[in-house]
Amino acid sequence: MTQSPVTEPMTQAPPRRLLAGKKRVLASAFAGTTIEWYDFYLYGTAAALIFNVQFFPSDSELGSRLASFATLAVGFFARPLGGIIAGHLGDRVGRKALLVVSLLSMGIASTLIGLVPNFATIGWWAAGALVVLRIVQGLSAGAEWGGSALLSVEHAPARKRGLFGSFTQIGSAAGMLLATSAFFLVQNLLSTEQFESFGWRIPFLASALLVALGLWIRLGVSDAPEFQELKDSGQVAKAPLREVLTAHPRVLLVTIGLRLAQNSVFYLITVYMLSYLTENRGDSTSGVTAVMIASGIGLVTGPAWGWVSDRLGRKPVTIGGIIGVAVFGWLFFAYLEAGPLSLLPLIVILGMNLAHDAIYGPQAAWFAEQFPIEVRYSGVNMGYQLGTVIGGGIMPMVAALLYAAVAAKDPARELSRTPA
């Protein structure tokens, strides 16, 4: 594959000021994506644990669960649209402006989710409000990743793009760690009745404080000199998305495929597993604890895999991760069936920190290196978000439907289950 390398930023700033600026960029990438994904993953955790009861009560437990997962998917389907809009504006106006808007819109939507009355209070209006706010979350998430990834990679020295880009990636692990930790705390500090009544809302309401912190960091960052030079020259693309589709279709398909493989295993672990264990093994906390542990370890393994890709290359590291994901899938489903939950953190670490992170750690740098700067935001966003829709938005529902089909053919499977 022919790469369009990210050029080395040129600057006349003193070394100390340059170093401080790069640290601020890395802090912005990490803090901004952490807060964005905290909000986005909160919804996934709540969809698996509580939204089916609070917003979609019905006579069918499977129907309620599928409805809850469907609203989760709505956010993923909105992400490509958010990515298209942000990519077009980001390639023409700049990365920073779009990142500030995305952070604000995500925070407002998440805070409002924590305030929406449930089905028992306002009926189906509750579900409708939830869907609208989830769409806003999706649009915001569609804008976030590409801009943050490009801001960090375009500011990076040529031999450290994998490492710099990984700070955007570990924002995902940190966001998941915060989201699962928030639910872990409210589940363990409150009774079941209190959690179902109001406790699940607390993590969503806390988003307002996190957004204020993220904005303070992000507003102090500027676009990379490379993009500023392009903008000052007046050579920005007039229709960057059309140029991506016509001039770079193969690269776009590669980014979609890489994202699909990585994101599928991520949401099988972080969403479907929580639902499966709650419904079939009577345990609603072991899965959250395991994901929380793996997310904490991901703060180290993400940059580690990015650093390894700077030394060995993006391709061999990523291919190794894809092979790991394929092997892990077989192990994962067999383990969920009857494996001891005391060892669940180890299984999740194998899937998340070894297989998944080997793909995810180098991803920001590799995607950015595939597209020329004048269409980079549009190309990276489109590939990333389309892969996300298939891998993350649909996979939990597909897994739930497949399990229901298997259980219907083999009733003994249900009878043989024992609580954890």
Protein backbone atom coordinates (compact mmCIF):
# COMPACT_ATOMS: atom_id res chain seq x y z
CA MET A 1 0.00 0.00 0.00
CA THR A 2 1.32 3.40 -0.92
CA GLN A 3 1.35 5.67 2.08
CA SER A 4 0.99 9.42 2.08
CA PRO A 5 3.25 10.11 5.04
CA VAL A 6 2.54 12.74 7.61
CA THR A 7 5.23 15.33 7.12
CA GLU A 8 7.45 16.50 9.95
CA PRO A 9 6.01 19.69 11.48
CA MET A 10 8.25 22.71 11.01
CA THR A 11 8.53 25.27 13.76
CA GLN A 12 10.86 28.00 14.94
CA ALA A 13 9.64 27.87 18.53
CA PRO A 14 12.26 27.47 21.28
CA PRO A 15 12.79 23.82 22.35
CA ARG A 16 11.25 24.35 25.81
CA ARG A 17 8.12 25.99 24.40
CA LEU A 18 7.90 23.33 21.70
CA LEU A 19 8.10 20.55 24.29
CA ALA A 20 5.45 22.22 26.45
CA GLY A 21 3.21 22.54 23.40
CA LYS A 22 3.57 18.87 22.54
CA LYS A 23 2.76 17.87 26.11
CA ARG A 24 -0.37 20.02 25.94
CA VAL A 25 -1.35 18.30 22.68
CA LEU A 26 -0.91 14.86 24.25
CA ALA A 27 -2.86 15.96 27.34
CA SER A 28 -5.63 17.28 25.08
CA ALA A 29 -5.77 14.05 23.08
CA PHE A 30 -5.88 11.94 26.21
CA ALA A 31 -8.28 14.08 28.28
CA GLY A 32 -10.66 14.91 25.45
CA THR A 33 -11.06 11.37 24.18
CA THR A 34 -11.25 10.04 27.74
CA ILE A 35 -14.24 12.28 28.47
CA GLU A 36 -15.87 11.61 25.09
CA TRP A 37 -15.60 7.85 25.49
CA TYR A 38 -16.57 7.96 29.15
CA ASP A 39 -19.87 9.44 28.02
CA PHE A 40 -20.24 7.09 25.05
CA TYR A 41 -19.39 3.93 27.00
CA LEU A 42 -21.62 4.89 29.90
CA TYR A 43 -24.51 4.35 27.53
CA GLY A 44 -23.24 0.91 26.48
CA THR A 45 -22.86 -0.19 30.10
CA ALA A 46 -26.28 1.18 31.03
CA ALA A 47 -27.86 -0.45 27.96
CA ALA A 48 -26.56 -3.81 29.14
CA LEU A 49 -27.47 -3.37 32.82
CA ILE A 50 -30.48 -1.09 33.31
CA PHE A 51 -32.03 0.60 30.25
CA ASN A 52 -34.04 -2.49 29.28
CA VAL A 53 -35.91 -2.20 32.60
CA GLN A 54 -36.07 1.59 32.89
CA PHE A 55 -37.05 2.51 29.34
CA PHE A 56 -38.24 -0.63 27.50
CA PRO A 57 -40.30 -2.78 29.89
CA SER A 58 -42.24 -5.58 28.18
CA ASP A 59 -43.47 -9.13 28.66
CA SER A 60 -40.46 -10.39 26.74
CA GLU A 61 -37.08 -10.10 28.42
CA LEU A 62 -35.36 -10.69 25.07
CA GLY A 63 -37.51 -7.99 23.45
CA SER A 64 -36.61 -5.46 26.14
CA ARG A 65 -32.94 -6.29 25.85
CA LEU A 66 -32.94 -6.04 22.05
CA ALA A 67 -34.73 -2.69 22.25
CA SER A 68 -32.07 -1.44 24.66
CA PHE A 69 -29.29 -2.63 22.37
CA ALA A 70 -31.07 -1.08 19.39
CA THR A 71 -30.79 2.37 20.96
CA LEU A 72 -27.11 1.62 21.51
CA ALA A 73 -26.83 0.88 17.79
CA VAL A 74 -28.56 4.17 16.90
CA GLY A 75 -25.57 6.05 18.26
CA PHE A 76 -23.24 4.04 16.06
CA PHE A 77 -25.33 4.66 12.94
CA ALA A 78 -25.18 8.40 13.66
CA ARG A 79 -21.39 8.33 13.90
CA PRO A 80 -20.65 8.22 10.14
CA LEU A 81 -22.83 11.31 9.63
CA GLY A 82 -20.97 13.07 12.43
CA GLY A 83 -17.73 11.91 10.86
CA ILE A 84 -18.70 13.21 7.40
CA ILE A 85 -19.70 16.62 8.73
CA ALA A 86 -16.65 16.92 10.97
CA GLY A 87 -14.32 15.61 8.27
CA HIS A 88 -15.52 18.18 5.74
CA LEU A 89 -15.26 21.06 8.20
CA GLY A 90 -12.06 19.76 9.79
CA ASP A 91 -10.29 19.57 6.44
CA ARG A 92 -11.39 23.10 5.61
CA VAL A 93 -11.54 24.95 8.96
CA GLY A 94 -9.27 23.03 11.32
CA ARG A 95 -9.12 20.18 13.81
CA LYS A 96 -9.32 22.12 17.06
CA ALA A 97 -12.64 23.89 16.40
CA LEU A 98 -14.43 20.63 15.68
CA LEU A 99 -12.98 18.98 18.78
CA VAL A 100 -14.30 21.72 21.05
CA VAL A 101 -17.79 21.40 19.56
CA SER A 102 -17.77 17.60 19.84
CA LEU A 103 -16.77 17.71 23.50
CA LEU A 104 -19.52 20.18 24.38
CA SER A 105 -22.28 18.33 22.52
CA MET A 106 -21.30 14.96 24.02
CA GLY A 107 -21.24 16.35 27.55
CA ILE A 108 -24.62 18.06 27.22
CA ALA A 109 -26.26 14.93 25.77
CA SER A 110 -24.86 12.68 28.50
CA THR A 111 -25.93 15.00 31.29
CA LEU A 112 -29.45 15.14 29.87
CA ILE A 113 -29.61 11.33 29.70
CA GLY A 114 -29.10 11.37 33.45
CA LEU A 115 -32.16 13.62 33.76
CA VAL A 116 -34.61 11.87 31.40
CA PRO A 117 -37.64 10.44 33.27
CA ASN A 118 -38.12 6.70 32.78
CA PHE A 119 -40.92 4.80 31.02
CA ALA A 120 -43.02 4.54 34.18
CA THR A 121 -43.12 8.35 34.40
CA ILE A 122 -43.69 9.58 30.84
CA GLY A 123 -44.20 6.42 28.80
CA TRP A 124 -42.71 6.12 25.33
CA TRP A 125 -41.62 9.76 25.40
CA ALA A 126 -38.80 8.51 27.63
CA ALA A 127 -37.58 6.09 24.96
CA GLY A 128 -37.90 8.80 22.30
CA ALA A 129 -35.83 11.26 24.33
CA LEU A 130 -33.23 8.58 24.93
CA VAL A 131 -32.94 7.88 21.20
CA VAL A 132 -32.56 11.59 20.35
CA LEU A 133 -29.82 12.07 22.94
CA ARG A 134 -28.09 8.90 21.76
CA ILE A 135 -28.07 10.31 18.23
CA VAL A 136 -26.38 13.48 19.53
CA GLN A 137 -23.82 11.27 21.26
CA GLY A 138 -23.21 9.45 17.99
CA LEU A 139 -22.75 12.65 15.99
CA SER A 140 -20.32 13.93 18.60
CA ALA A 141 -18.32 10.70 18.74
CA GLY A 142 -18.14 10.73 14.95
CA ALA A 143 -16.33 14.06 15.10
CA GLU A 144 -14.06 13.30 18.03
CA TRP A 145 -11.72 10.45 17.21
CA GLY A 146 -10.48 11.57 13.80
CA GLY A 147 -9.73 15.11 14.93
CA SER A 148 -7.98 14.03 18.11
CA ALA A 149 -5.95 11.38 16.32
CA LEU A 150 -4.82 13.80 13.63
CA LEU A 151 -3.99 16.55 16.09
CA SER A 152 -1.67 14.23 18.03
CA VAL A 153 -0.10 12.53 14.98
CA GLU A 154 0.42 15.75 13.02
CA HIS A 155 2.22 17.29 16.00
CA ALA A 156 4.40 14.17 16.44
CA PRO A 157 8.04 13.68 15.41
CA ALA A 158 8.23 11.31 12.43
CA ARG A 159 9.57 8.36 14.47
CA LYS A 160 7.08 8.73 17.31
CA ARG A 161 3.74 8.88 15.51
CA GLY A 162 2.64 5.51 16.84
CA LEU A 163 3.40 6.57 20.40
CA PHE A 164 1.81 10.03 20.04
CA GLY A 165 -1.26 8.62 18.30
CA SER A 166 -1.72 6.08 21.08
CA PHE A 167 -2.58 8.88 23.50
CA THR A 168 -5.81 9.30 21.57
CA GLN A 169 -6.30 5.52 21.73
CA ILE A 170 -5.75 5.17 25.47
CA GLY A 171 -8.40 7.83 25.96
CA SER A 172 -10.77 5.01 24.99
CA ALA A 173 -9.37 2.72 27.69
CA ALA A 174 -9.44 5.53 30.24
CA GLY A 175 -13.01 6.42 29.29
CA MET A 176 -14.08 2.80 29.68
CA LEU A 177 -12.22 2.61 33.00
CA LEU A 178 -14.05 5.70 34.26
CA ALA A 179 -17.42 4.46 32.98
CA THR A 180 -17.12 0.97 34.46
CA SER A 181 -15.66 2.38 37.70
CA ALA A 182 -18.58 4.77 38.01
CA PHE A 183 -21.09 1.94 37.63
CA PHE A 184 -19.03 -0.32 39.90
CA LEU A 185 -19.14 2.31 42.66
CA VAL A 186 -22.84 3.06 42.46
CA GLN A 187 -23.70 -0.65 42.27
CA ASN A 188 -21.64 -1.45 45.35
CA LEU A 189 -22.42 1.64 47.43
CA LEU A 190 -26.16 1.58 46.82
CA SER A 191 -28.78 -1.12 47.22
CA THR A 192 -30.30 -2.73 44.13
CA GLU A 193 -33.45 -0.67 44.62
CA GLN A 194 -31.49 2.57 44.96
CA PHE A 195 -29.39 1.77 41.88
CA GLU A 196 -32.49 1.12 39.77
CA SER A 197 -34.27 4.18 41.16
CA PHE A 198 -31.61 6.86 40.83
CA GLY A 199 -28.09 5.44 41.19
CA TRP A 200 -27.59 4.70 37.49
CA ARG A 201 -28.12 8.41 36.75
CA ILE A 202 -25.16 9.61 38.84
CA PRO A 203 -22.40 8.64 36.34
CA PHE A 204 -24.24 10.51 33.56
CA LEU A 205 -24.66 13.65 35.64
CA ALA A 206 -20.96 13.61 36.56
CA SER A 207 -20.19 14.21 32.87
CA ALA A 208 -20.76 17.95 33.27
CA LEU A 209 -17.73 18.30 35.56
CA LEU A 210 -15.50 16.24 33.27
CA VAL A 211 -16.44 18.30 30.22
CA ALA A 212 -15.46 21.53 31.98
CA LEU A 213 -12.01 20.05 32.67
CA GLY A 214 -11.63 18.81 29.09
CA LEU A 215 -12.52 22.17 27.61
CA TRP A 216 -9.93 23.93 29.76
CA ILE A 217 -7.21 21.64 28.39
CA ARG A 218 -8.41 21.55 24.79
CA LEU A 219 -8.83 25.29 24.34
CA GLY A 220 -5.08 25.73 24.91
CA VAL A 221 -4.12 23.66 21.84
CA SER A 222 -3.66 24.86 18.26
CA ASP A 223 -3.70 23.05 14.92
CA ALA A 224 -0.39 21.57 13.75
CA PRO A 225 1.91 23.79 11.61
CA GLU A 226 1.47 21.35 8.72
CA PHE A 227 -2.24 22.05 8.51
CA GLN A 228 -1.84 25.75 9.21
CA GLU A 229 0.49 26.05 6.21
CA LEU A 230 -2.04 24.26 4.00
CA LYS A 231 -4.84 26.53 5.21
CA ASP A 232 -2.79 29.70 4.81
CA SER A 233 -1.90 28.69 1.24
CA GLY A 234 -5.59 28.45 0.34
CA GLN A 235 -5.15 24.90 -1.00
CA VAL A 236 -7.66 23.15 1.25
CA ALA A 237 -9.89 20.66 -0.58
CA LYS A 238 -13.29 21.99 -1.61
CA ALA A 239 -14.96 18.56 -1.47
CA PRO A 240 -12.67 16.34 0.62
CA LEU A 241 -15.12 13.45 1.00
CA ARG A 242 -15.67 13.18 -2.75
CA GLU A 243 -11.90 13.16 -3.26
CA VAL A 244 -11.53 10.34 -0.73
CA LEU A 245 -14.17 8.25 -2.50
CA THR A 246 -12.78 8.82 -5.97
CA ALA A 247 -9.02 8.95 -5.39
CA HIS A 248 -8.49 6.77 -2.31
CA PRO A 249 -11.18 4.02 -2.30
CA ARG A 250 -8.79 1.14 -1.59
CA VAL A 251 -7.24 2.83 1.42
CA LEU A 252 -10.73 3.65 2.69
CA LEU A 253 -11.73 -0.03 2.51
CA VAL A 254 -8.60 -1.07 4.39
CA THR A 255 -9.33 1.34 7.24
CA ILE A 256 -12.93 0.10 7.42
CA GLY A 257 -11.78 -3.52 7.63
CA LEU A 258 -9.18 -2.85 10.31
CA ARG A 259 -11.67 -0.95 12.41
CA LEU A 260 -14.33 -3.64 12.01
CA ALA A 261 -12.10 -6.43 13.35
CA GLN A 262 -10.90 -4.43 16.34
CA ASN A 263 -14.25 -2.93 17.29
CA SER A 264 -16.20 -6.19 17.05
CA VAL A 265 -14.18 -7.89 19.78
CA PHE A 266 -14.24 -4.74 21.89
CA TYR A 267 -18.04 -4.56 22.05
CA LEU A 268 -18.46 -8.28 22.46
CA ILE A 269 -16.43 -7.96 25.64
CA THR A 270 -17.63 -4.62 26.98
CA VAL A 271 -21.35 -4.82 26.13
CA TYR A 272 -22.54 -8.29 25.15
CA MET A 273 -20.56 -10.04 27.90
CA LEU A 274 -22.20 -7.90 30.60
CA SER A 275 -25.65 -8.71 29.30
CA TYR A 276 -24.87 -12.42 28.88
CA LEU A 277 -23.51 -12.86 32.38
CA THR A 278 -26.41 -10.98 33.95
CA GLU A 279 -29.06 -12.96 32.08
CA ASN A 280 -27.52 -16.43 31.97
CA ARG A 281 -25.27 -16.70 34.99
CA GLY A 282 -26.96 -14.36 37.43
CA ASP A 283 -23.91 -12.11 37.81
CA SER A 284 -24.04 -8.40 37.02
CA THR A 285 -20.74 -7.34 38.61
CA SER A 286 -17.98 -9.79 37.53
CA GLY A 287 -18.06 -8.57 33.94
CA VAL A 288 -17.91 -4.91 34.95
CA THR A 289 -14.98 -5.64 37.27
CA ALA A 290 -13.07 -7.55 34.56
CA VAL A 291 -13.57 -4.76 32.01
CA MET A 292 -12.49 -2.19 34.57
CA ILE A 293 -9.24 -4.09 35.24
CA ALA A 294 -8.49 -4.51 31.53
CA SER A 295 -9.22 -0.83 30.89
CA GLY A 296 -6.69 0.15 33.56
CA ILE A 297 -4.06 -2.12 31.99
CA GLY A 298 -4.94 -0.62 28.59
CA LEU A 299 -3.49 2.70 29.74
CA VAL A 300 -0.11 0.95 29.50
CA THR A 301 -0.61 -1.57 26.69
CA GLY A 302 -2.04 1.01 24.27
CA PRO A 303 1.09 3.20 24.22
CA ALA A 304 3.26 0.06 24.37
CA TRP A 305 1.78 -1.30 21.14
CA GLY A 306 2.03 2.16 19.55
CA TRP A 307 5.72 2.28 20.51
CA VAL A 308 6.28 -1.24 19.15
CA SER A 309 4.70 -0.22 15.84
CA ASP A 310 7.19 2.67 15.60
CA ARG A 311 9.97 0.07 15.76
CA LEU A 312 8.55 -2.92 13.89
CA GLY A 313 6.02 -1.23 11.60
CA ARG A 314 2.26 -0.84 11.79
CA LYS A 315 1.42 -3.78 9.53
CA PRO A 316 3.09 -6.72 11.35
CA VAL A 317 1.86 -5.54 14.75
CA THR A 318 -1.71 -5.13 13.48
CA ILE A 319 -1.79 -8.48 11.66
CA GLY A 320 -0.60 -10.18 14.83
CA GLY A 321 -3.48 -8.55 16.71
CA ILE A 322 -6.04 -9.69 14.11
CA ILE A 323 -4.82 -13.29 14.42
CA GLY A 324 -5.10 -12.96 18.20
CA VAL A 325 -8.69 -11.71 17.91
CA ALA A 326 -9.65 -14.68 15.72
CA VAL A 327 -8.23 -17.17 18.24
CA PHE A 328 -9.71 -15.32 21.20
CA GLY A 329 -13.26 -15.47 19.80
CA TRP A 330 -13.40 -19.25 20.14
CA LEU A 331 -11.94 -19.17 23.64
CA PHE A 332 -14.23 -16.35 24.76
CA PHE A 333 -17.59 -17.96 23.95
CA ALA A 334 -16.54 -21.31 25.35
CA TYR A 335 -15.47 -19.63 28.56
CA LEU A 336 -18.66 -17.62 29.00
CA GLU A 337 -20.63 -20.84 28.77
CA ALA A 338 -19.21 -22.50 31.88
CA GLY A 339 -15.81 -21.06 32.82
CA PRO A 340 -15.10 -19.98 36.40
CA LEU A 341 -15.83 -16.27 36.76
CA SER A 342 -12.94 -15.89 39.19
CA LEU A 343 -10.63 -16.10 36.15
CA LEU A 344 -12.72 -13.76 33.98
CA PRO A 345 -10.29 -10.79 34.35
CA LEU A 346 -7.50 -12.91 32.86
CA ILE A 347 -9.65 -13.89 29.87
CA VAL A 348 -10.67 -10.28 29.26
CA ILE A 349 -7.03 -9.14 29.52
CA LEU A 350 -6.05 -11.66 26.83
CA GLY A 351 -8.73 -10.33 24.50
CA MET A 352 -8.46 -6.62 25.29
CA ASN A 353 -4.85 -5.88 26.14
CA LEU A 354 -3.03 -8.39 23.96
CA ALA A 355 -5.19 -8.98 20.87
CA HIS A 356 -7.37 -5.85 20.73
CA ASP A 357 -4.74 -3.30 21.79
CA ALA A 358 -2.23 -4.62 19.23
CA ILE A 359 -4.67 -3.40 16.56
CA TYR A 360 -5.91 -0.35 18.38
CA GLY A 361 -2.64 1.09 19.70
CA PRO A 362 -1.06 1.83 16.28
CA GLN A 363 -4.39 2.65 14.61
CA ALA A 364 -4.31 6.45 14.84
CA ALA A 365 -0.86 6.69 13.25
CA TRP A 366 -1.54 4.08 10.57
CA PHE A 367 -4.85 5.61 9.49
CA ALA A 368 -3.38 9.12 9.38
CA GLU A 369 -0.43 7.95 7.27
CA GLN A 370 -2.73 6.62 4.55
CA PHE A 371 -4.30 9.92 3.46
CA PRO A 372 -2.78 13.20 2.21
CA ILE A 373 -3.31 16.14 4.52
CA GLU A 374 -5.90 17.93 2.39
CA VAL A 375 -8.40 15.03 2.81
CA ARG A 376 -6.98 13.36 5.92
CA TYR A 377 -9.75 14.21 8.38
CA SER A 378 -12.47 13.04 5.95
CA GLY A 379 -10.66 9.84 5.02
CA VAL A 380 -9.74 8.82 8.55
CA ASN A 381 -13.19 9.64 9.90
CA MET A 382 -15.08 7.81 7.18
CA GLY A 383 -13.04 4.60 7.46
CA TYR A 384 -13.08 4.63 11.23
CA GLN A 385 -16.79 5.33 11.64
CA LEU A 386 -18.09 2.92 8.97
CA GLY A 387 -16.07 0.12 10.55
CA THR A 388 -17.47 1.15 13.92
CA VAL A 389 -21.10 0.89 12.77
CA ILE A 390 -20.69 -2.73 11.72
CA GLY A 391 -18.32 -3.83 14.43
CA GLY A 392 -19.76 -2.02 17.44
CA GLY A 393 -23.32 -1.03 16.70
CA ILE A 394 -24.59 -4.32 15.30
CA MET A 395 -22.41 -6.95 16.98
CA PRO A 396 -24.08 -7.02 20.44
CA MET A 397 -27.52 -7.45 18.86
CA VAL A 398 -26.23 -10.14 16.49
CA ALA A 399 -24.63 -12.01 19.38
CA ALA A 400 -27.84 -11.80 21.45
CA LEU A 401 -29.96 -13.07 18.54
CA LEU A 402 -27.55 -15.93 17.80
CA TYR A 403 -27.59 -17.01 21.41
CA ALA A 404 -31.40 -16.90 21.50
CA ALA A 405 -31.53 -19.03 18.34
CA VAL A 406 -29.15 -21.61 19.82
CA ALA A 407 -31.06 -21.72 23.12
CA ALA A 408 -34.36 -22.22 21.26
CA LYS A 409 -32.94 -25.27 19.48
CA ASP A 410 -31.41 -26.69 22.65
CA PRO A 411 -33.64 -26.04 25.72
CA ALA A 412 -31.38 -28.27 27.80
CA ARG A 413 -28.71 -25.60 27.46
CA GLU A 414 -30.81 -23.27 29.61
CA LEU A 415 -31.70 -25.96 32.14
CA SER A 416 -28.07 -26.95 32.59
CA ARG A 417 -26.95 -23.47 33.59
CA THR A 418 -25.99 -22.83 37.17
CA PRO A 419 -25.56 -19.40 38.73
CA ALA A 420 -21.99 -18.16 39.10
